[in-house]
Amino acid sequence: MDIDSLPTALAHARAFAATLKPGDVIDDQTGFSADNLLALIAAAAPPTAEDAVIEQLGDLA
């Protein structure tokens, strides 16, 4: 996958995930769920400015 298509793929995945309820199973054979999809989206998303601050200072919450 070309890195430029990653934001587009993430946008499509977010739109699809928005149609699901938490815990919905997407694939019965593997047990892949909406929660799994959301975790993959979060892991693939580029870091935000807030993420950079947390990385430098630690989570202050």
C-alpha atoms as a PDB file:
ATOM      1  CA  MET A   1       0.000   0.000   0.000  1.00  0.00           C
ATOM      2  CA  ASP A   2       1.285   3.418  -0.939  1.00  0.00           C
ATOM      3  CA  ILE A   3       1.675   5.639   2.127  1.00  0.00           C
ATOM      4  CA  ASP A   4      -0.426   8.334   0.429  1.00  0.00           C
ATOM      5  CA  SER A   5      -3.402   5.987   0.319  1.00  0.00           C
ATOM      6  CA  LEU A   6      -3.225   5.317   4.075  1.00  0.00           C
ATOM      7  CA  PRO A   7      -5.247   8.424   5.055  1.00  0.00           C
ATOM      8  CA  THR A   8      -7.909   7.448   2.509  1.00  0.00           C
ATOM      9  CA  ALA A   9      -8.011   3.876   3.795  1.00  0.00           C
ATOM     10  CA  LEU A  10      -8.299   5.128   7.377  1.00  0.00           C
ATOM     11  CA  ALA A  11     -11.155   7.443   6.402  1.00  0.00           C
ATOM     12  CA  HIS A  12     -13.023   4.549   4.752  1.00  0.00           C
ATOM     13  CA  ALA A  13     -12.370   2.299   7.762  1.00  0.00           C
ATOM     14  CA  ARG A  14     -13.670   4.999  10.151  1.00  0.00           C
ATOM     15  CA  ALA A  15     -16.803   5.446   8.044  1.00  0.00           C
ATOM     16  CA  PHE A  16     -17.404   1.685   8.050  1.00  0.00           C
ATOM     17  CA  ALA A  17     -16.731   1.418  11.783  1.00  0.00           C
ATOM     18  CA  ALA A  18     -19.270   4.190  12.409  1.00  0.00           C
ATOM     19  CA  THR A  19     -21.981   1.891  11.015  1.00  0.00           C
ATOM     20  CA  LEU A  20     -21.190  -0.797  13.601  1.00  0.00           C
ATOM     21  CA  LYS A  21     -21.980  -1.216  17.275  1.00  0.00           C
ATOM     22  CA  PRO A  22     -19.143  -1.911  19.721  1.00  0.00           C
ATOM     23  CA  GLY A  23     -18.558  -5.654  19.859  1.00  0.00           C
ATOM     24  CA  ASP A  24     -20.239  -6.367  16.516  1.00  0.00           C
ATOM     25  CA  VAL A  25     -18.520  -9.295  14.822  1.00  0.00           C
ATOM     26  CA  ILE A  26     -17.440  -8.472  11.270  1.00  0.00           C
ATOM     27  CA  ASP A  27     -16.129 -11.946  10.398  1.00  0.00           C
ATOM     28  CA  ASP A  28     -17.600 -14.963  12.172  1.00  0.00           C
ATOM     29  CA  GLN A  29     -14.814 -17.313  11.099  1.00  0.00           C
ATOM     30  CA  THR A  30     -12.031 -15.264  12.694  1.00  0.00           C
ATOM     31  CA  GLY A  31     -14.042 -13.423  15.330  1.00  0.00           C
ATOM     32  CA  PHE A  32     -12.786 -10.086  13.974  1.00  0.00           C
ATOM     33  CA  SER A  33     -14.935  -7.417  15.597  1.00  0.00           C
ATOM     34  CA  ALA A  34     -15.714  -3.726  15.401  1.00  0.00           C
ATOM     35  CA  ASP A  35     -13.486  -3.283  18.446  1.00  0.00           C
ATOM     36  CA  ASN A  36     -10.598  -4.935  16.573  1.00  0.00           C
ATOM     37  CA  LEU A  37     -11.171  -2.602  13.629  1.00  0.00           C
ATOM     38  CA  LEU A  38     -11.165   0.465  15.870  1.00  0.00           C
ATOM     39  CA  ALA A  39      -7.919  -0.694  17.497  1.00  0.00           C
ATOM     40  CA  LEU A  40      -6.286  -1.083  14.086  1.00  0.00           C
ATOM     41  CA  ILE A  41      -7.490   2.366  13.019  1.00  0.00           C
ATOM     42  CA  ALA A  42      -6.051   3.918  16.180  1.00  0.00           C
ATOM     43  CA  ALA A  43      -2.726   2.114  15.740  1.00  0.00           C
ATOM     44  CA  ALA A  44      -2.413   3.141  12.090  1.00  0.00           C
ATOM     45  CA  ALA A  45      -3.385   6.787  12.556  1.00  0.00           C
ATOM     46  CA  PRO A  46      -0.487   9.233  12.450  1.00  0.00           C
ATOM     47  CA  PRO A  47       0.493  10.722  15.803  1.00  0.00           C
ATOM     48  CA  THR A  48      -1.134  13.993  16.774  1.00  0.00           C
ATOM     49  CA  ALA A  49       0.539  17.022  18.323  1.00  0.00           C
ATOM     50  CA  GLU A  50      -0.937  15.917  21.654  1.00  0.00           C
ATOM     51  CA  ASP A  51       0.701  12.497  21.207  1.00  0.00           C
ATOM     52  CA  ALA A  52       4.072  14.200  20.730  1.00  0.00           C
ATOM     53  CA  VAL A  53       3.666  16.185  23.970  1.00  0.00           C
ATOM     54  CA  ILE A  54       2.664  13.055  25.885  1.00  0.00           C
ATOM     55  CA  GLU A  55       5.679  11.252  24.417  1.00  0.00           C
ATOM     56  CA  GLN A  56       7.999  14.024  25.642  1.00  0.00           C
ATOM     57  CA  LEU A  57       6.426  14.775  29.042  1.00  0.00           C
ATOM     58  CA  GLY A  58       4.559  11.619  29.868  1.00  0.00           C
ATOM     59  CA  ASP A  59       0.835  11.370  30.435  1.00  0.00           C
ATOM     60  CA  LEU A  60      -0.048  14.069  32.973  1.00  0.00           C
ATOM     61  CA  ALA A  61      -3.615  12.847  33.472  1.00  0.00           C
END
